[in-house]
C-alpha atoms as a PDB file:
ATOM      1  CA  UNK A   1       5.679 -15.161  16.259  1.00  0.00           C
ATOM      2  CA  UNK A   2       3.966 -12.064  14.763  1.00  0.00           C
ATOM      3  CA  UNK A   3       1.056 -12.337  12.829  1.00  0.00           C
ATOM      4  CA  UNK A   4       1.643 -11.262   8.962  1.00  0.00           C
ATOM      5  CA  UNK A   5      -0.921  -9.467   7.488  1.00  0.00           C
ATOM      6  CA  UNK A   6      -2.846  -9.925   4.069  1.00  0.00           C
ATOM      7  CA  UNK A   7      -4.196  -6.472   2.627  1.00  0.00           C
ATOM      8  CA  UNK A   8      -6.399  -5.920  -0.258  1.00  0.00           C
ATOM      9  CA  UNK A   9      -5.868  -3.031  -2.443  1.00  0.00           C
ATOM     10  CA  UNK A  10      -8.268  -1.240  -4.237  1.00  0.00           C
ATOM     11  CA  UNK A  11      -6.572   1.068  -7.254  1.00  0.00           C
ATOM     12  CA  UNK A  12      -9.629   3.725  -7.790  1.00  0.00           C
ATOM     13  CA  UNK A  13      -9.639   5.839 -10.620  1.00  0.00           C
ATOM     14  CA  UNK A  14     -13.085   8.092 -11.672  1.00  0.00           C
ATOM     15  CA  UNK A  15     -14.918   6.237  -8.905  1.00  0.00           C
ATOM     16  CA  UNK A  16     -13.833   2.563 -10.077  1.00  0.00           C
ATOM     17  CA  UNK A  17     -11.644  -0.014  -9.290  1.00  0.00           C
ATOM     18  CA  UNK A  18      -8.644  -0.387 -11.564  1.00  0.00           C
ATOM     19  CA  UNK A  19      -5.300  -2.424 -12.010  1.00  0.00           C
ATOM     20  CA  UNK A  20      -2.795  -2.162 -14.590  1.00  0.00           C
ATOM     21  CA  UNK A  21       0.915  -3.261 -14.974  1.00  0.00           C
ATOM     22  CA  UNK A  22       3.608  -0.786 -13.601  1.00  0.00           C
ATOM     23  CA  UNK A  23       1.358   1.999 -13.162  1.00  0.00           C
ATOM     24  CA  UNK A  24      -0.295   2.051 -16.848  1.00  0.00           C
ATOM     25  CA  UNK A  25      -2.708   0.029 -19.152  1.00  0.00           C
ATOM     26  CA  UNK A  26      -5.406   0.227 -16.553  1.00  0.00           C
ATOM     27  CA  UNK A  27      -8.320  -2.186 -16.700  1.00  0.00           C
ATOM     28  CA  UNK A  28     -11.953  -1.737 -14.756  1.00  0.00           C
ATOM     29  CA  UNK A  29     -12.087  -4.086 -11.771  1.00  0.00           C
ATOM     30  CA  UNK A  30     -15.126  -3.029 -10.237  1.00  0.00           C
ATOM     31  CA  UNK A  31     -17.111  -1.084  -7.924  1.00  0.00           C
ATOM     32  CA  UNK A  32     -14.847  -0.022  -4.795  1.00  0.00           C
ATOM     33  CA  UNK A  33     -17.490  -0.452  -2.222  1.00  0.00           C
ATOM     34  CA  UNK A  34     -18.643  -4.001  -3.704  1.00  0.00           C
ATOM     35  CA  UNK A  35     -14.865  -5.244  -3.988  1.00  0.00           C
ATOM     36  CA  UNK A  36     -14.150  -3.974  -0.497  1.00  0.00           C
ATOM     37  CA  UNK A  37     -17.066  -5.767   0.744  1.00  0.00           C
ATOM     38  CA  UNK A  38     -15.906  -9.123  -0.882  1.00  0.00           C
ATOM     39  CA  UNK A  39     -12.094  -8.739   0.203  1.00  0.00           C
ATOM     40  CA  UNK A  40     -13.155  -8.362   3.706  1.00  0.00           C
ATOM     41  CA  UNK A  41     -15.995 -11.354   3.706  1.00  0.00           C
ATOM     42  CA  UNK A  42     -12.975 -13.567   2.001  1.00  0.00           C
ATOM     43  CA  UNK A  43     -10.690 -12.697   4.711  1.00  0.00           C
ATOM     44  CA  UNK A  44      -8.342  -9.694   4.074  1.00  0.00           C
ATOM     45  CA  UNK A  45      -7.063  -8.252   7.562  1.00  0.00           C
ATOM     46  CA  UNK A  46      -7.185  -4.736   6.004  1.00  0.00           C
ATOM     47  CA  UNK A  47      -8.294  -2.915   3.064  1.00  0.00           C
ATOM     48  CA  UNK A  48      -6.417  -0.012   1.256  1.00  0.00           C
ATOM     49  CA  UNK A  49      -8.255   2.151  -1.134  1.00  0.00           C
ATOM     50  CA  UNK A  50      -5.862   4.652  -3.419  1.00  0.00           C
ATOM     51  CA  UNK A  51      -7.417   7.293  -5.405  1.00  0.00           C
ATOM     52  CA  UNK A  52      -4.760   7.029  -7.900  1.00  0.00           C
ATOM     53  CA  UNK A  53      -4.751  10.233 -10.339  1.00  0.00           C
ATOM     54  CA  UNK A  54      -5.731  12.397  -7.144  1.00  0.00           C
ATOM     55  CA  UNK A  55      -2.630  13.919  -6.859  1.00  0.00           C
ATOM     56  CA  UNK A  56      -1.747  14.112 -10.510  1.00  0.00           C
ATOM     57  CA  UNK A  57      -5.447  15.925 -11.209  1.00  0.00           C
ATOM     58  CA  UNK A  58      -4.509  18.291  -8.372  1.00  0.00           C
ATOM     59  CA  UNK A  59      -7.750  17.220  -6.289  1.00  0.00           C
ATOM     60  CA  UNK A  60      -8.789  15.914  -3.052  1.00  0.00           C
ATOM     61  CA  UNK A  61      -9.677  12.117  -2.619  1.00  0.00           C
ATOM     62  CA  UNK A  62     -13.421  11.131  -3.913  1.00  0.00           C
ATOM     63  CA  UNK A  63     -14.839  11.573  -0.432  1.00  0.00           C
ATOM     64  CA  UNK A  64     -18.208  10.176  -1.529  1.00  0.00           C
ATOM     65  CA  UNK A  65     -16.331   7.064  -2.680  1.00  0.00           C
ATOM     66  CA  UNK A  66     -14.951   6.470   0.595  1.00  0.00           C
ATOM     67  CA  UNK A  67     -17.773   7.097   2.934  1.00  0.00           C
ATOM     68  CA  UNK A  68     -19.696   4.437   0.550  1.00  0.00           C
ATOM     69  CA  UNK A  69     -16.895   2.091   0.761  1.00  0.00           C
ATOM     70  CA  UNK A  70     -16.516   2.203   4.428  1.00  0.00           C
ATOM     71  CA  UNK A  71     -19.916   1.675   5.276  1.00  0.00           C
ATOM     72  CA  UNK A  72     -19.516  -1.903   4.050  1.00  0.00           C
ATOM     73  CA  UNK A  73     -16.420  -2.734   5.958  1.00  0.00           C
ATOM     74  CA  UNK A  74     -15.565  -4.169   9.190  1.00  0.00           C
ATOM     75  CA  UNK A  75     -11.734  -4.450   8.991  1.00  0.00           C
ATOM     76  CA  UNK A  76      -9.343  -1.634   8.969  1.00  0.00           C
ATOM     77  CA  UNK A  77      -9.576   0.706   6.073  1.00  0.00           C
ATOM     78  CA  UNK A  78      -6.580   2.931   4.716  1.00  0.00           C
ATOM     79  CA  UNK A  79      -7.468   5.551   2.161  1.00  0.00           C
ATOM     80  CA  UNK A  80      -4.892   7.438   0.138  1.00  0.00           C
ATOM     81  CA  UNK A  81      -4.549   9.866  -2.812  1.00  0.00           C
ATOM     82  CA  UNK A  82      -4.880  13.832  -3.132  1.00  0.00           C
ATOM     83  CA  UNK A  83      -4.073  14.005   0.793  1.00  0.00           C
ATOM     84  CA  UNK A  84      -2.236  17.419   1.089  1.00  0.00           C
ATOM     85  CA  UNK A  85      -2.761  18.926   4.652  1.00  0.00           C
ATOM     86  CA  UNK A  86      -3.947  17.484   8.091  1.00  0.00           C
ATOM     87  CA  UNK A  87      -7.399  18.914   7.262  1.00  0.00           C
ATOM     88  CA  UNK A  88      -7.573  16.676   4.046  1.00  0.00           C
ATOM     89  CA  UNK A  89      -6.751  13.667   6.371  1.00  0.00           C
ATOM     90  CA  UNK A  90      -9.324  14.866   8.694  1.00  0.00           C
ATOM     91  CA  UNK A  91     -11.950  14.748   6.208  1.00  0.00           C
ATOM     92  CA  UNK A  92     -11.322  11.285   5.212  1.00  0.00           C
ATOM     93  CA  UNK A  93     -11.341  10.107   8.538  1.00  0.00           C
ATOM     94  CA  UNK A  94     -14.576  11.895   9.163  1.00  0.00           C
ATOM     95  CA  UNK A  95     -15.824   9.679   5.997  1.00  0.00           C
ATOM     96  CA  UNK A  96     -15.043   6.590   7.585  1.00  0.00           C
ATOM     97  CA  UNK A  97     -11.125   5.704   7.108  1.00  0.00           C
ATOM     98  CA  UNK A  98      -8.750   4.373   9.817  1.00  0.00           C
ATOM     99  CA  UNK A  99      -5.569   5.460   8.405  1.00  0.00           C
ATOM    100  CA  UNK A 100      -4.257   7.487   5.375  1.00  0.00           C
ATOM    101  CA  UNK A 101      -1.650   7.026   2.856  1.00  0.00           C
ATOM    102  CA  UNK A 102       0.309   9.843   2.089  1.00  0.00           C
ATOM    103  CA  UNK A 103       3.112   9.786  -0.804  1.00  0.00           C
ATOM    104  CA  UNK A 104       3.616  12.772  -2.824  1.00  0.00           C
ATOM    105  CA  UNK A 105       2.659  15.507  -0.451  1.00  0.00           C
ATOM    106  CA  UNK A 106       4.645  13.875   2.181  1.00  0.00           C
ATOM    107  CA  UNK A 107       7.713  14.483  -0.027  1.00  0.00           C
ATOM    108  CA  UNK A 108       6.866  18.110  -0.925  1.00  0.00           C
ATOM    109  CA  UNK A 109       6.337  18.857   2.691  1.00  0.00           C
ATOM    110  CA  UNK A 110       7.746  16.040   5.247  1.00  0.00           C
ATOM    111  CA  UNK A 111       6.199  18.210   8.366  1.00  0.00           C
ATOM    112  CA  UNK A 112       2.773  16.853   7.280  1.00  0.00           C
ATOM    113  CA  UNK A 113       3.778  13.448   8.620  1.00  0.00           C
ATOM    114  CA  UNK A 114       4.202  14.542  12.010  1.00  0.00           C
ATOM    115  CA  UNK A 115       0.811  17.205  11.736  1.00  0.00           C
ATOM    116  CA  UNK A 116      -1.154  13.970  11.210  1.00  0.00           C
ATOM    117  CA  UNK A 117       0.150  12.199  13.793  1.00  0.00           C
ATOM    118  CA  UNK A 118      -0.300  14.632  16.465  1.00  0.00           C
ATOM    119  CA  UNK A 119      -3.950  15.049  15.807  1.00  0.00           C
ATOM    120  CA  UNK A 120      -4.480  10.860  15.096  1.00  0.00           C
ATOM    121  CA  UNK A 121      -1.697   8.953  16.060  1.00  0.00           C
ATOM    122  CA  UNK A 122       1.384   7.472  14.296  1.00  0.00           C
ATOM    123  CA  UNK A 123      -0.580   4.216  13.805  1.00  0.00           C
ATOM    124  CA  UNK A 124      -2.957   6.372  11.655  1.00  0.00           C
ATOM    125  CA  UNK A 125      -0.279   7.710   9.436  1.00  0.00           C
ATOM    126  CA  UNK A 126       1.083   5.343   6.532  1.00  0.00           C
ATOM    127  CA  UNK A 127       3.932   6.687   3.891  1.00  0.00           C
ATOM    128  CA  UNK A 128       3.508   5.196   0.949  1.00  0.00           C
ATOM    129  CA  UNK A 129       6.706   5.080  -1.281  1.00  0.00           C
ATOM    130  CA  UNK A 130       6.571   4.077  -4.999  1.00  0.00           C
ATOM    131  CA  UNK A 131      10.002   2.768  -5.846  1.00  0.00           C
ATOM    132  CA  UNK A 132      11.955   2.021  -8.848  1.00  0.00           C
ATOM    133  CA  UNK A 133      15.619   0.530  -9.430  1.00  0.00           C
ATOM    134  CA  UNK A 134      18.032   2.106 -11.258  1.00  0.00           C
ATOM    135  CA  UNK A 135      19.358  -0.981 -13.449  1.00  0.00           C
ATOM    136  CA  UNK A 136      22.265   1.245 -14.408  1.00  0.00           C
ATOM    137  CA  UNK A 137      23.398   2.197 -10.801  1.00  0.00           C
ATOM    138  CA  UNK A 138      26.173   0.297  -8.887  1.00  0.00           C
ATOM    139  CA  UNK A 139      23.929  -0.729  -6.332  1.00  0.00           C
ATOM    140  CA  UNK A 140      20.229  -1.005  -7.839  1.00  0.00           C
ATOM    141  CA  UNK A 141      18.846  -1.514  -4.417  1.00  0.00           C
ATOM    142  CA  UNK A 142      20.849   0.982  -2.489  1.00  0.00           C
ATOM    143  CA  UNK A 143      20.285   3.376  -5.148  1.00  0.00           C
ATOM    144  CA  UNK A 144      16.663   2.787  -5.854  1.00  0.00           C
ATOM    145  CA  UNK A 145      14.482   5.825  -6.626  1.00  0.00           C
ATOM    146  CA  UNK A 146      11.316   7.460  -5.234  1.00  0.00           C
ATOM    147  CA  UNK A 147       8.656   8.519  -7.731  1.00  0.00           C
ATOM    148  CA  UNK A 148       5.705  10.941  -6.890  1.00  0.00           C
ATOM    149  CA  UNK A 149       2.383  11.821  -8.728  1.00  0.00           C
ATOM    150  CA  UNK A 150       1.195   8.149  -9.354  1.00  0.00           C
ATOM    151  CA  UNK A 151       4.562   7.057 -10.112  1.00  0.00           C
ATOM    152  CA  UNK A 152       4.899   9.870 -12.997  1.00  0.00           C
ATOM    153  CA  UNK A 153       7.910  11.604 -11.694  1.00  0.00           C
ATOM    154  CA  UNK A 154      11.031  11.216  -9.885  1.00  0.00           C
ATOM    155  CA  UNK A 155      11.471  12.819  -6.614  1.00  0.00           C
ATOM    156  CA  UNK A 156      15.337  12.807  -6.109  1.00  0.00           C
ATOM    157  CA  UNK A 157      15.347  10.798  -2.976  1.00  0.00           C
ATOM    158  CA  UNK A 158      16.603   7.346  -2.235  1.00  0.00           C
ATOM    159  CA  UNK A 159      13.962   4.972  -1.112  1.00  0.00           C
ATOM    160  CA  UNK A 160      15.987   3.924   2.020  1.00  0.00           C
ATOM    161  CA  UNK A 161      16.931   7.267   3.030  1.00  0.00           C
ATOM    162  CA  UNK A 162      13.315   8.473   2.718  1.00  0.00           C
ATOM    163  CA  UNK A 163      11.787   5.712   4.369  1.00  0.00           C
ATOM    164  CA  UNK A 164      14.481   6.487   7.453  1.00  0.00           C
ATOM    165  CA  UNK A 165      13.063   9.822   7.141  1.00  0.00           C
ATOM    166  CA  UNK A 166       9.408   9.285   7.266  1.00  0.00           C
ATOM    167  CA  UNK A 167       9.742   6.963  10.156  1.00  0.00           C
ATOM    168  CA  UNK A 168      11.712   9.795  12.391  1.00  0.00           C
ATOM    169  CA  UNK A 169       9.091  12.038  11.318  1.00  0.00           C
ATOM    170  CA  UNK A 170       6.525   9.962  12.751  1.00  0.00           C
ATOM    171  CA  UNK A 171       5.171   7.470  10.032  1.00  0.00           C
ATOM    172  CA  UNK A 172       3.579   4.556  11.693  1.00  0.00           C
ATOM    173  CA  UNK A 173       4.100   2.228   8.478  1.00  0.00           C
ATOM    174  CA  UNK A 174       5.499   2.255   5.524  1.00  0.00           C
ATOM    175  CA  UNK A 175       3.712   1.021   2.117  1.00  0.00           C
ATOM    176  CA  UNK A 176       6.701   0.037  -0.242  1.00  0.00           C
ATOM    177  CA  UNK A 177       5.466  -0.583  -3.910  1.00  0.00           C
ATOM    178  CA  UNK A 178       7.893  -1.763  -6.670  1.00  0.00           C
ATOM    179  CA  UNK A 179       6.778  -0.122  -9.508  1.00  0.00           C
ATOM    180  CA  UNK A 180       9.142  -2.777 -11.680  1.00  0.00           C
ATOM    181  CA  UNK A 181       7.257  -5.865 -10.299  1.00  0.00           C
ATOM    182  CA  UNK A 182       3.696  -3.833  -9.695  1.00  0.00           C
ATOM    183  CA  UNK A 183       1.121  -5.796 -11.983  1.00  0.00           C
ATOM    184  CA  UNK A 184       3.607  -8.493 -12.997  1.00  0.00           C
ATOM    185  CA  UNK A 185       2.374 -11.389 -11.066  1.00  0.00           C
ATOM    186  CA  UNK A 186       6.324 -12.235 -11.094  1.00  0.00           C
ATOM    187  CA  UNK A 187       6.760 -11.815  -7.361  1.00  0.00           C
ATOM    188  CA  UNK A 188       7.497  -9.179  -4.874  1.00  0.00           C
ATOM    189  CA  UNK A 189      11.218  -7.266  -4.985  1.00  0.00           C
ATOM    190  CA  UNK A 190      12.344  -8.893  -1.909  1.00  0.00           C
ATOM    191  CA  UNK A 191      15.773  -7.640  -2.077  1.00  0.00           C
ATOM    192  CA  UNK A 192      14.351  -3.620  -1.927  1.00  0.00           C
ATOM    193  CA  UNK A 193      11.630  -4.932   0.879  1.00  0.00           C
ATOM    194  CA  UNK A 194      14.297  -6.119   2.922  1.00  0.00           C
ATOM    195  CA  UNK A 195      16.739  -3.164   2.800  1.00  0.00           C
ATOM    196  CA  UNK A 196      13.772  -0.926   3.801  1.00  0.00           C
ATOM    197  CA  UNK A 197      12.618  -3.588   6.683  1.00  0.00           C
ATOM    198  CA  UNK A 198      16.108  -3.594   8.019  1.00  0.00           C
ATOM    199  CA  UNK A 199      16.486   0.427   8.011  1.00  0.00           C
ATOM    200  CA  UNK A 200      13.240   1.412   9.838  1.00  0.00           C
ATOM    201  CA  UNK A 201      11.941  -0.094  12.943  1.00  0.00           C
ATOM    202  CA  UNK A 202       8.156   0.286  11.933  1.00  0.00           C
ATOM    203  CA  UNK A 203       5.797  -2.199   9.961  1.00  0.00           C
ATOM    204  CA  UNK A 204       6.539  -2.337   6.117  1.00  0.00           C
ATOM    205  CA  UNK A 205       3.890  -3.391   3.730  1.00  0.00           C
ATOM    206  CA  UNK A 206       5.395  -5.240   0.562  1.00  0.00           C
ATOM    207  CA  UNK A 207       3.133  -4.199  -2.775  1.00  0.00           C
ATOM    208  CA  UNK A 208       3.847  -4.918  -6.296  1.00  0.00           C
ATOM    209  CA  UNK A 209       4.072  -8.210  -8.073  1.00  0.00           C
ATOM    210  CA  UNK A 210       1.974 -10.674  -5.969  1.00  0.00           C
ATOM    211  CA  UNK A 211       1.009 -13.910  -8.171  1.00  0.00           C
ATOM    212  CA  UNK A 212       1.498 -16.815  -5.871  1.00  0.00           C
ATOM    213  CA  UNK A 213       1.615 -18.234  -2.234  1.00  0.00           C
ATOM    214  CA  UNK A 214       5.066 -18.628  -2.839  1.00  0.00           C
ATOM    215  CA  UNK A 215       5.635 -14.954  -3.319  1.00  0.00           C
ATOM    216  CA  UNK A 216       3.717 -14.146  -0.217  1.00  0.00           C
ATOM    217  CA  UNK A 217       6.100 -16.568   1.798  1.00  0.00           C
ATOM    218  CA  UNK A 218       9.276 -15.453   0.084  1.00  0.00           C
ATOM    219  CA  UNK A 219       8.400 -11.542   1.100  1.00  0.00           C
ATOM    220  CA  UNK A 220       7.643 -12.455   4.445  1.00  0.00           C
ATOM    221  CA  UNK A 221      10.938 -14.322   5.257  1.00  0.00           C
ATOM    222  CA  UNK A 222      13.643 -13.137   2.738  1.00  0.00           C
ATOM    223  CA  UNK A 223      11.830  -9.408   2.217  1.00  0.00           C
ATOM    224  CA  UNK A 224      11.133  -9.175   5.948  1.00  0.00           C
ATOM    225  CA  UNK A 225       7.746  -7.738   5.296  1.00  0.00           C
ATOM    226  CA  UNK A 226       5.451  -7.432   8.292  1.00  0.00           C
ATOM    227  CA  UNK A 227       2.150  -7.349   5.666  1.00  0.00           C
ATOM    228  CA  UNK A 228       1.813  -8.018   2.027  1.00  0.00           C
ATOM    229  CA  UNK A 229      -0.601  -6.163  -0.311  1.00  0.00           C
ATOM    230  CA  UNK A 230      -2.353  -7.469  -3.326  1.00  0.00           C
ATOM    231  CA  UNK A 231      -4.610  -6.347  -5.956  1.00  0.00           C
ATOM    232  CA  UNK A 232      -4.927  -7.953  -9.375  1.00  0.00           C
ATOM    233  CA  UNK A 233      -4.954 -11.330  -7.710  1.00  0.00           C
ATOM    234  CA  UNK A 234      -8.077 -10.921  -5.627  1.00  0.00           C
ATOM    235  CA  UNK A 235     -10.061  -8.587  -8.038  1.00  0.00           C
ATOM    236  CA  UNK A 236      -9.839 -11.123 -10.996  1.00  0.00           C
ATOM    237  CA  UNK A 237     -10.294 -14.478  -9.137  1.00  0.00           C
ATOM    238  CA  UNK A 238      -6.804 -15.999  -9.330  1.00  0.00           C
ATOM    239  CA  UNK A 239      -6.980 -16.179  -5.163  1.00  0.00           C
ATOM    240  CA  UNK A 240      -9.040 -14.879  -2.332  1.00  0.00           C
ATOM    241  CA  UNK A 241      -7.408 -13.930   1.207  1.00  0.00           C
ATOM    242  CA  UNK A 242      -8.602 -16.953   2.695  1.00  0.00           C
ATOM    243  CA  UNK A 243      -7.239 -19.564   0.410  1.00  0.00           C
ATOM    244  CA  UNK A 244      -4.267 -17.741   0.282  1.00  0.00           C
ATOM    245  CA  UNK A 245      -3.769 -17.564   4.204  1.00  0.00           C
ATOM    246  CA  UNK A 246      -4.983 -21.209   4.308  1.00  0.00           C
ATOM    247  CA  UNK A 247      -1.764 -22.230   2.151  1.00  0.00           C
ATOM    248  CA  UNK A 248       0.472 -19.946   4.016  1.00  0.00           C
ATOM    249  CA  UNK A 249      -0.657 -21.364   7.300  1.00  0.00           C
ATOM    250  CA  UNK A 250       0.302 -24.815   6.129  1.00  0.00           C
ATOM    251  CA  UNK A 251       3.731 -23.401   4.679  1.00  0.00           C
ATOM    252  CA  UNK A 252       4.236 -22.206   8.415  1.00  0.00           C
ATOM    253  CA  UNK A 253       3.496 -18.738   8.062  1.00  0.00           C
ATOM    254  CA  UNK A 254       1.750 -16.890  10.739  1.00  0.00           C
ATOM    255  CA  UNK A 255      -1.614 -15.574   9.638  1.00  0.00           C
ATOM    256  CA  UNK A 256      -4.950 -14.830  10.982  1.00  0.00           C
ATOM    257  CA  UNK A 257      -7.269 -17.410   9.667  1.00  0.00           C
ATOM    258  CA  UNK A 258     -10.713 -16.116   8.912  1.00  0.00           C
ATOM    259  CA  UNK A 259     -13.701 -17.801  10.560  1.00  0.00           C
END
């Protein structure tokens, strides 16, 4: 049985960790390096840092923040936001990241996926997909749409279709965020996660909506996710990766328990 990963996410704005609901109403959640170190100590399998306004503001990732955070970590570290070229990715790797997450730039120029993978390996390339269902669609899951620029603009692509193309172009993982569920703590979008998981042969990380242990167990089972990402429940003391994993293990989910 494959071990399921628990990933702590740091959404960073102006050098600070923030968290909102459905990508708006941001609340300060602390210093990135401090939060990352705490989550790693508490049992997170990986840390993801997303510079959430870099693309919208037309700038590169805050490399100083990446460097400072990487120095605190002993678990895999993925960084996204503002990565538009293979050289941008190289600088992020040099700053201490193990993986990069690309979103808007990959949609604008899909060859970027393969360019980064050619230099650093497919395992280092995560394609992030910000997804929103269309409630008026005949098939809200199958017709779910991709959004870019921090969830501000529709990309004119369907989620499942883009996930397949991203894999074909060399992505090593898909980070799927449900914009509808983001920050609500009401549960992951298991139907959409399962649709993407069924469509690709690479790991799918579920994001958006984590609130309880049951939500994680459900997205691993019904959503067929390989990993699940959370932010607010960790930042604001609702749970820790350690306690979450212990409860998941008791529920029969295969996780790597911290020492």
